[in-house]
Amino acid sequence: AAVGVPALYVCLTEDHAQAARALEAERVAISMGHYQKTKPADLSRVLSRAIRGEYSTKMCGQTTRCIDGLAVKRIASLLS
């Protein structure tokens, strides 16, 4: 997201799904939720739309607004 690329998440665990939902709420990603609950037809539909560019043009402008890529630097300054 820090470089302007939207993401599609199929999550391994529920805590990952929760984080993915937060990014989806910010309109910088699409979350399919936990992989065991993801239906192949739904994934196919979302991937088809993504390939056609239906999501990327809407999301690319949102990613850098939401994530700047400087979190590690901010955390390091808090620790020093």
PDB file of N, CA and C in Angstrom:
ATOM      1  N   ALA A   1       0.818  -1.196   0.000  1.00  0.00           N
ATOM      2  CA  ALA A   1       0.000   0.000   0.000  1.00  0.00           C
ATOM      3  C   ALA A   1       0.860   1.257   0.000  1.00  0.00           C
ATOM      4  N   ALA A   2       2.020   1.204   0.633  1.00  0.00           N
ATOM      5  CA  ALA A   2       2.884   2.381   0.726  1.00  0.00           C
ATOM      6  C   ALA A   2       3.388   2.846  -0.632  1.00  0.00           C
ATOM      7  N   VAL A   3       3.403   1.970  -1.621  1.00  0.00           N
ATOM      8  CA  VAL A   3       3.858   2.354  -2.963  1.00  0.00           C
ATOM      9  C   VAL A   3       2.687   2.489  -3.942  1.00  0.00           C
ATOM     10  N   GLY A   4       1.482   2.515  -3.430  1.00  0.00           N
ATOM     11  CA  GLY A   4       0.318   2.757  -4.264  1.00  0.00           C
ATOM     12  C   GLY A   4      -0.287   1.546  -4.934  1.00  0.00           C
ATOM     13  N   VAL A   5       0.014   0.356  -4.437  1.00  0.00           N
ATOM     14  CA  VAL A   5      -0.522  -0.864  -5.039  1.00  0.00           C
ATOM     15  C   VAL A   5      -1.592  -1.457  -4.122  1.00  0.00           C
ATOM     16  N   PRO A   6      -2.822  -1.534  -4.592  1.00  0.00           N
ATOM     17  CA  PRO A   6      -3.869  -2.137  -3.770  1.00  0.00           C
ATOM     18  C   PRO A   6      -3.646  -3.647  -3.635  1.00  0.00           C
ATOM     19  N   ALA A   7      -4.279  -4.246  -2.650  1.00  0.00           N
ATOM     20  CA  ALA A   7      -4.061  -5.667  -2.358  1.00  0.00           C
ATOM     21  C   ALA A   7      -5.380  -6.420  -2.271  1.00  0.00           C
ATOM     22  N   LEU A   8      -5.271  -7.710  -2.489  1.00  0.00           N
ATOM     23  CA  LEU A   8      -6.383  -8.644  -2.303  1.00  0.00           C
ATOM     24  C   LEU A   8      -5.902  -9.666  -1.281  1.00  0.00           C
ATOM     25  N   TYR A   9      -6.607  -9.778  -0.165  1.00  0.00           N
ATOM     26  CA  TYR A   9      -6.189 -10.667   0.911  1.00  0.00           C
ATOM     27  C   TYR A   9      -7.114 -11.868   1.049  1.00  0.00           C
ATOM     28  N   VAL A  10      -6.515 -13.048   1.073  1.00  0.00           N
ATOM     29  CA  VAL A  10      -7.171 -14.285   1.484  1.00  0.00           C
ATOM     30  C   VAL A  10      -6.368 -14.710   2.709  1.00  0.00           C
ATOM     31  N   CYS A  11      -6.971 -14.649   3.863  1.00  0.00           N
ATOM     32  CA  CYS A  11      -6.238 -14.704   5.136  1.00  0.00           C
ATOM     33  C   CYS A  11      -6.121 -16.107   5.715  1.00  0.00           C
ATOM     34  N   LEU A  12      -4.972 -16.358   6.349  1.00  0.00           N
ATOM     35  CA  LEU A  12      -4.702 -17.650   6.973  1.00  0.00           C
ATOM     36  C   LEU A  12      -5.324 -17.789   8.350  1.00  0.00           C
ATOM     37  N   THR A  13      -5.463 -16.674   9.059  1.00  0.00           N
ATOM     38  CA  THR A  13      -5.991 -16.714  10.420  1.00  0.00           C
ATOM     39  C   THR A  13      -7.024 -15.608  10.606  1.00  0.00           C
ATOM     40  N   GLU A  14      -7.802 -15.719  11.655  1.00  0.00           N
ATOM     41  CA  GLU A  14      -8.831 -14.718  11.930  1.00  0.00           C
ATOM     42  C   GLU A  14      -8.224 -13.359  12.269  1.00  0.00           C
ATOM     43  N   ASP A  15      -7.058 -13.325  12.955  1.00  0.00           N
ATOM     44  CA  ASP A  15      -6.463 -12.023  13.256  1.00  0.00           C
ATOM     45  C   ASP A  15      -5.970 -11.346  11.980  1.00  0.00           C
ATOM     46  N   HIS A  16      -5.496 -12.126  11.017  1.00  0.00           N
ATOM     47  CA  HIS A  16      -5.123 -11.550   9.723  1.00  0.00           C
ATOM     48  C   HIS A  16      -6.362 -11.020   9.008  1.00  0.00           C
ATOM     49  N   ALA A  17      -7.457 -11.748   9.102  1.00  0.00           N
ATOM     50  CA  ALA A  17      -8.704 -11.302   8.480  1.00  0.00           C
ATOM     51  C   ALA A  17      -9.178  -9.995   9.099  1.00  0.00           C
ATOM     52  N   GLN A  18      -8.990  -9.842  10.388  1.00  0.00           N
ATOM     53  CA  GLN A  18      -9.376  -8.601  11.067  1.00  0.00           C
ATOM     54  C   GLN A  18      -8.535  -7.433  10.546  1.00  0.00           C
ATOM     55  N   ALA A  19      -7.233  -7.638  10.415  1.00  0.00           N
ATOM     56  CA  ALA A  19      -6.362  -6.586   9.882  1.00  0.00           C
ATOM     57  C   ALA A  19      -6.729  -6.260   8.438  1.00  0.00           C
ATOM     58  N   ALA A  20      -7.022  -7.275   7.656  1.00  0.00           N
ATOM     59  CA  ALA A  20      -7.404  -7.068   6.257  1.00  0.00           C
ATOM     60  C   ALA A  20      -8.706  -6.284   6.155  1.00  0.00           C
ATOM     61  N   ARG A  21      -9.639  -6.539   7.056  1.00  0.00           N
ATOM     62  CA  ARG A  21     -10.900  -5.792   7.057  1.00  0.00           C
ATOM     63  C   ARG A  21     -10.652  -4.311   7.341  1.00  0.00           C
ATOM     64  N   ALA A  22      -9.678  -4.021   8.201  1.00  0.00           N
ATOM     65  CA  ALA A  22      -9.347  -2.623   8.496  1.00  0.00           C
ATOM     66  C   ALA A  22      -8.809  -1.925   7.244  1.00  0.00           C
ATOM     67  N   LEU A  23      -7.978  -2.612   6.480  1.00  0.00           N
ATOM     68  CA  LEU A  23      -7.466  -2.038   5.233  1.00  0.00           C
ATOM     69  C   LEU A  23      -8.575  -1.905   4.196  1.00  0.00           C
ATOM     70  N   GLU A  24      -9.481  -2.857   4.177  1.00  0.00           N
ATOM     71  CA  GLU A  24     -10.620  -2.779   3.267  1.00  0.00           C
ATOM     72  C   GLU A  24     -11.508  -1.582   3.634  1.00  0.00           C
ATOM     73  N   ALA A  25     -11.687  -1.331   4.919  1.00  0.00           N
ATOM     74  CA  ALA A  25     -12.498  -0.199   5.365  1.00  0.00           C
ATOM     75  C   ALA A  25     -11.884   1.133   4.916  1.00  0.00           C
ATOM     76  N   GLU A  26     -10.568   1.157   4.781  1.00  0.00           N
ATOM     77  CA  GLU A  26      -9.867   2.356   4.299  1.00  0.00           C
ATOM     78  C   GLU A  26      -9.825   2.426   2.780  1.00  0.00           C
ATOM     79  N   ARG A  27     -10.430   1.432   2.121  1.00  0.00           N
ATOM     80  CA  ARG A  27     -10.512   1.355   0.657  1.00  0.00           C
ATOM     81  C   ARG A  27      -9.150   1.231  -0.016  1.00  0.00           C
ATOM     82  N   VAL A  28      -8.220   0.497   0.640  1.00  0.00           N
ATOM     83  CA  VAL A  28      -6.914   0.251   0.024  1.00  0.00           C
ATOM     84  C   VAL A  28      -6.689  -1.229  -0.263  1.00  0.00           C
ATOM     85  N   ALA A  29      -7.679  -2.057   0.039  1.00  0.00           N
ATOM     86  CA  ALA A  29      -7.544  -3.498  -0.160  1.00  0.00           C
ATOM     87  C   ALA A  29      -8.926  -4.133  -0.258  1.00  0.00           C
ATOM     88  N   ILE A  30      -8.909  -5.366  -0.721  1.00  0.00           N
ATOM     89  CA  ILE A  30     -10.114  -6.192  -0.720  1.00  0.00           C
ATOM     90  C   ILE A  30      -9.799  -7.397   0.145  1.00  0.00           C
ATOM     91  N   SER A  31     -10.641  -7.671   1.104  1.00  0.00           N
ATOM     92  CA  SER A  31     -10.449  -8.829   1.964  1.00  0.00           C
ATOM     93  C   SER A  31     -11.482  -9.886   1.633  1.00  0.00           C
ATOM     94  N   MET A  32     -10.991 -11.089   1.370  1.00  0.00           N
ATOM     95  CA  MET A  32     -11.877 -12.225   1.139  1.00  0.00           C
ATOM     96  C   MET A  32     -12.133 -12.963   2.445  1.00  0.00           C
ATOM     97  N   GLY A  33     -11.518 -12.501   3.541  1.00  0.00           N
ATOM     98  CA  GLY A  33     -11.695 -13.142   4.835  1.00  0.00           C
ATOM     99  C   GLY A  33     -10.823 -14.375   4.989  1.00  0.00           C
ATOM    100  N   HIS A  34     -11.165 -15.195   5.947  1.00  0.00           N
ATOM    101  CA  HIS A  34     -10.416 -16.414   6.240  1.00  0.00           C
ATOM    102  C   HIS A  34     -10.555 -17.384   5.071  1.00  0.00           C
ATOM    103  N   TYR A  35      -9.450 -18.001   4.682  1.00  0.00           N
ATOM    104  CA  TYR A  35      -9.447 -18.844   3.477  1.00  0.00           C
ATOM    105  C   TYR A  35     -10.447 -19.998   3.547  1.00  0.00           C
ATOM    106  N   GLN A  36     -10.713 -20.504   4.753  1.00  0.00           N
ATOM    107  CA  GLN A  36     -11.652 -21.616   4.861  1.00  0.00           C
ATOM    108  C   GLN A  36     -13.092 -21.176   4.611  1.00  0.00           C
ATOM    109  N   LYS A  37     -13.342 -19.885   4.706  1.00  0.00           N
ATOM    110  CA  LYS A  37     -14.679 -19.358   4.477  1.00  0.00           C
ATOM    111  C   LYS A  37     -14.813 -18.721   3.094  1.00  0.00           C
ATOM    112  N   THR A  38     -13.721 -18.695   2.337  1.00  0.00           N
ATOM    113  CA  THR A  38     -13.736 -18.071   1.022  1.00  0.00           C
ATOM    114  C   THR A  38     -14.263 -19.045  -0.017  1.00  0.00           C
ATOM    115  N   LYS A  39     -15.305 -18.649  -0.697  1.00  0.00           N
ATOM    116  CA  LYS A  39     -15.891 -19.489  -1.733  1.00  0.00           C
ATOM    117  C   LYS A  39     -15.142 -19.258  -3.047  1.00  0.00           C
ATOM    118  N   PRO A  40     -14.781 -20.336  -3.754  1.00  0.00           N
ATOM    119  CA  PRO A  40     -14.067 -20.183  -5.027  1.00  0.00           C
ATOM    120  C   PRO A  40     -14.782 -19.256  -6.016  1.00  0.00           C
ATOM    121  N   ALA A  41     -16.082 -19.331  -6.077  1.00  0.00           N
ATOM    122  CA  ALA A  41     -16.825 -18.473  -7.011  1.00  0.00           C
ATOM    123  C   ALA A  41     -16.671 -16.994  -6.648  1.00  0.00           C
ATOM    124  N   ASP A  42     -16.661 -16.684  -5.348  1.00  0.00           N
ATOM    125  CA  ASP A  42     -16.479 -15.298  -4.919  1.00  0.00           C
ATOM    126  C   ASP A  42     -15.076 -14.809  -5.256  1.00  0.00           C
ATOM    127  N   LEU A  43     -14.084 -15.644  -5.009  1.00  0.00           N
ATOM    128  CA  LEU A  43     -12.708 -15.279  -5.328  1.00  0.00           C
ATOM    129  C   LEU A  43     -12.547 -15.069  -6.835  1.00  0.00           C
ATOM    130  N   SER A  44     -13.134 -15.928  -7.621  1.00  0.00           N
ATOM    131  CA  SER A  44     -13.074 -15.799  -9.070  1.00  0.00           C
ATOM    132  C   SER A  44     -13.699 -14.487  -9.534  1.00  0.00           C
ATOM    133  N   ARG A  45     -14.837 -14.143  -8.959  1.00  0.00           N
ATOM    134  CA  ARG A  45     -15.524 -12.901  -9.323  1.00  0.00           C
ATOM    135  C   ARG A  45     -14.671 -11.682  -8.994  1.00  0.00           C
ATOM    136  N   VAL A  46     -14.087 -11.671  -7.791  1.00  0.00           N
ATOM    137  CA  VAL A  46     -13.268 -10.534  -7.362  1.00  0.00           C
ATOM    138  C   VAL A  46     -11.998 -10.445  -8.213  1.00  0.00           C
ATOM    139  N   LEU A  47     -11.359 -11.579  -8.474  1.00  0.00           N
ATOM    140  CA  LEU A  47     -10.155 -11.561  -9.308  1.00  0.00           C
ATOM    141  C   LEU A  47     -10.464 -11.085 -10.724  1.00  0.00           C
ATOM    142  N   SER A  48     -11.575 -11.500 -11.278  1.00  0.00           N
ATOM    143  CA  SER A  48     -11.969 -11.052 -12.620  1.00  0.00           C
ATOM    144  C   SER A  48     -12.140  -9.540 -12.656  1.00  0.00           C
ATOM    145  N   ARG A  49     -12.785  -9.012 -11.649  1.00  0.00           N
ATOM    146  CA  ARG A  49     -12.978  -7.559 -11.583  1.00  0.00           C
ATOM    147  C   ARG A  49     -11.639  -6.843 -11.401  1.00  0.00           C
ATOM    148  N   ALA A  50     -10.759  -7.413 -10.588  1.00  0.00           N
ATOM    149  CA  ALA A  50      -9.441  -6.801 -10.363  1.00  0.00           C
ATOM    150  C   ALA A  50      -8.619  -6.800 -11.650  1.00  0.00           C
ATOM    151  N   ILE A  51      -8.649  -7.895 -12.386  1.00  0.00           N
ATOM    152  CA  ILE A  51      -7.908  -7.990 -13.642  1.00  0.00           C
ATOM    153  C   ILE A  51      -8.405  -6.943 -14.644  1.00  0.00           C
ATOM    154  N   ARG A  52      -9.693  -6.696 -14.655  1.00  0.00           N
ATOM    155  CA  ARG A  52     -10.260  -5.687 -15.553  1.00  0.00           C
ATOM    156  C   ARG A  52      -9.956  -4.260 -15.083  1.00  0.00           C
ATOM    157  N   GLY A  53      -9.357  -4.122 -13.910  1.00  0.00           N
ATOM    158  CA  GLY A  53      -8.985  -2.803 -13.404  1.00  0.00           C
ATOM    159  C   GLY A  53     -10.076  -2.077 -12.653  1.00  0.00           C
ATOM    160  N   GLU A  54     -11.139  -2.769 -12.311  1.00  0.00           N
ATOM    161  CA  GLU A  54     -12.255  -2.109 -11.640  1.00  0.00           C
ATOM    162  C   GLU A  54     -11.905  -1.618 -10.239  1.00  0.00           C
ATOM    163  N   TYR A  55     -10.956  -2.263  -9.598  1.00  0.00           N
ATOM    164  CA  TYR A  55     -10.595  -1.855  -8.242  1.00  0.00           C
ATOM    165  C   TYR A  55      -9.369  -0.955  -8.224  1.00  0.00           C
ATOM    166  N   SER A  56      -8.372  -1.299  -9.012  1.00  0.00           N
ATOM    167  CA  SER A  56      -7.087  -0.626  -8.887  1.00  0.00           C
ATOM    168  C   SER A  56      -7.169   0.875  -9.116  1.00  0.00           C
ATOM    169  N   THR A  57      -7.943   1.321 -10.084  1.00  0.00           N
ATOM    170  CA  THR A  57      -8.013   2.757 -10.327  1.00  0.00           C
ATOM    171  C   THR A  57      -8.658   3.488  -9.162  1.00  0.00           C
ATOM    172  N   LYS A  58      -9.597   2.857  -8.493  1.00  0.00           N
ATOM    173  CA  LYS A  58     -10.246   3.478  -7.346  1.00  0.00           C
ATOM    174  C   LYS A  58      -9.345   3.446  -6.117  1.00  0.00           C
ATOM    175  N   MET A  59      -8.561   2.383  -5.967  1.00  0.00           N
ATOM    176  CA  MET A  59      -7.788   2.176  -4.745  1.00  0.00           C
ATOM    177  C   MET A  59      -6.407   2.819  -4.768  1.00  0.00           C
ATOM    178  N   CYS A  60      -5.791   2.930  -5.928  1.00  0.00           N
ATOM    179  CA  CYS A  60      -4.415   3.418  -5.983  1.00  0.00           C
ATOM    180  C   CYS A  60      -4.248   4.779  -5.322  1.00  0.00           C
ATOM    181  N   GLY A  61      -5.181   5.672  -5.532  1.00  0.00           N
ATOM    182  CA  GLY A  61      -5.096   6.988  -4.921  1.00  0.00           C
ATOM    183  C   GLY A  61      -5.284   6.964  -3.417  1.00  0.00           C
ATOM    184  N   GLN A  62      -5.931   5.940  -2.916  1.00  0.00           N
ATOM    185  CA  GLN A  62      -6.212   5.842  -1.485  1.00  0.00           C
ATOM    186  C   GLN A  62      -5.029   5.295  -0.689  1.00  0.00           C
ATOM    187  N   THR A  63      -4.189   4.467  -1.320  1.00  0.00           N
ATOM    188  CA  THR A  63      -3.170   3.742  -0.552  1.00  0.00           C
ATOM    189  C   THR A  63      -2.166   4.665   0.112  1.00  0.00           C
ATOM    190  N   THR A  64      -1.610   5.619  -0.626  1.00  0.00           N
ATOM    191  CA  THR A  64      -0.605   6.489  -0.027  1.00  0.00           C
ATOM    192  C   THR A  64      -1.225   7.481   0.952  1.00  0.00           C
ATOM    193  N   ARG A  65      -2.522   7.727   0.854  1.00  0.00           N
ATOM    194  CA  ARG A  65      -3.201   8.567   1.840  1.00  0.00           C
ATOM    195  C   ARG A  65      -3.245   7.858   3.190  1.00  0.00           C
ATOM    196  N   CYS A  66      -3.349   6.548   3.131  1.00  0.00           N
ATOM    197  CA  CYS A  66      -3.555   5.746   4.328  1.00  0.00           C
ATOM    198  C   CYS A  66      -2.244   5.242   4.942  1.00  0.00           C
ATOM    199  N   ILE A  67      -1.273   4.897   4.089  1.00  0.00           N
ATOM    200  CA  ILE A  67      -0.033   4.272   4.557  1.00  0.00           C
ATOM    201  C   ILE A  67       1.157   4.979   3.934  1.00  0.00           C
ATOM    202  N   ASP A  68       2.073   5.470   4.768  1.00  0.00           N
ATOM    203  CA  ASP A  68       3.208   6.218   4.242  1.00  0.00           C
ATOM    204  C   ASP A  68       4.516   5.428   4.201  1.00  0.00           C
ATOM    205  N   GLY A  69       4.551   4.226   4.772  1.00  0.00           N
ATOM    206  CA  GLY A  69       5.759   3.402   4.748  1.00  0.00           C
ATOM    207  C   GLY A  69       6.804   3.801   5.775  1.00  0.00           C
ATOM    208  N   LEU A  70       6.462   4.681   6.674  1.00  0.00           N
ATOM    209  CA  LEU A  70       7.440   5.170   7.657  1.00  0.00           C
ATOM    210  C   LEU A  70       7.194   4.646   9.068  1.00  0.00           C
ATOM    211  N   ALA A  71       6.382   3.631   9.215  1.00  0.00           N
ATOM    212  CA  ALA A  71       6.047   3.121  10.550  1.00  0.00           C
ATOM    213  C   ALA A  71       7.276   2.618  11.302  1.00  0.00           C
ATOM    214  N   VAL A  72       8.181   1.930  10.617  1.00  0.00           N
ATOM    215  CA  VAL A  72       9.373   1.404  11.292  1.00  0.00           C
ATOM    216  C   VAL A  72      10.195   2.538  11.877  1.00  0.00           C
ATOM    217  N   LYS A  73      10.335   3.612  11.130  1.00  0.00           N
ATOM    218  CA  LYS A  73      11.093   4.766  11.616  1.00  0.00           C
ATOM    219  C   LYS A  73      10.422   5.372  12.847  1.00  0.00           C
ATOM    220  N   ARG A  74       9.095   5.490  12.812  1.00  0.00           N
ATOM    221  CA  ARG A  74       8.383   6.048  13.970  1.00  0.00           C
ATOM    222  C   ARG A  74       8.513   5.130  15.192  1.00  0.00           C
ATOM    223  N   ILE A  75       8.418   3.839  14.994  1.00  0.00           N
ATOM    224  CA  ILE A  75       8.564   2.901  16.110  1.00  0.00           C
ATOM    225  C   ILE A  75       9.971   2.959  16.684  1.00  0.00           C
ATOM    226  N   ALA A  76      10.977   2.999  15.825  1.00  0.00           N
ATOM    227  CA  ALA A  76      12.372   3.080  16.286  1.00  0.00           C
ATOM    228  C   ALA A  76      12.597   4.338  17.116  1.00  0.00           C
ATOM    229  N   SER A  77      12.009   5.451  16.705  1.00  0.00           N
ATOM    230  CA  SER A  77      12.204   6.690  17.463  1.00  0.00           C
ATOM    231  C   SER A  77      11.538   6.604  18.827  1.00  0.00           C
ATOM    232  N   LEU A  78      10.447   5.851  18.926  1.00  0.00           N
ATOM    233  CA  LEU A  78       9.800   5.676  20.229  1.00  0.00           C
ATOM    234  C   LEU A  78      10.627   4.793  21.157  1.00  0.00           C
ATOM    235  N   LEU A  79      11.380   3.869  20.582  1.00  0.00           N
ATOM    236  CA  LEU A  79      12.182   2.948  21.380  1.00  0.00           C
ATOM    237  C   LEU A  79      13.508   3.552  21.831  1.00  0.00           C
ATOM    238  N   SER A  80      13.955   4.591  21.173  1.00  0.00           N
ATOM    239  CA  SER A  80      15.272   5.169  21.527  1.00  0.00           C
ATOM    240  C   SER A  80      15.169   6.239  22.575  1.00  0.00           C
TER     241      SER A  80
END
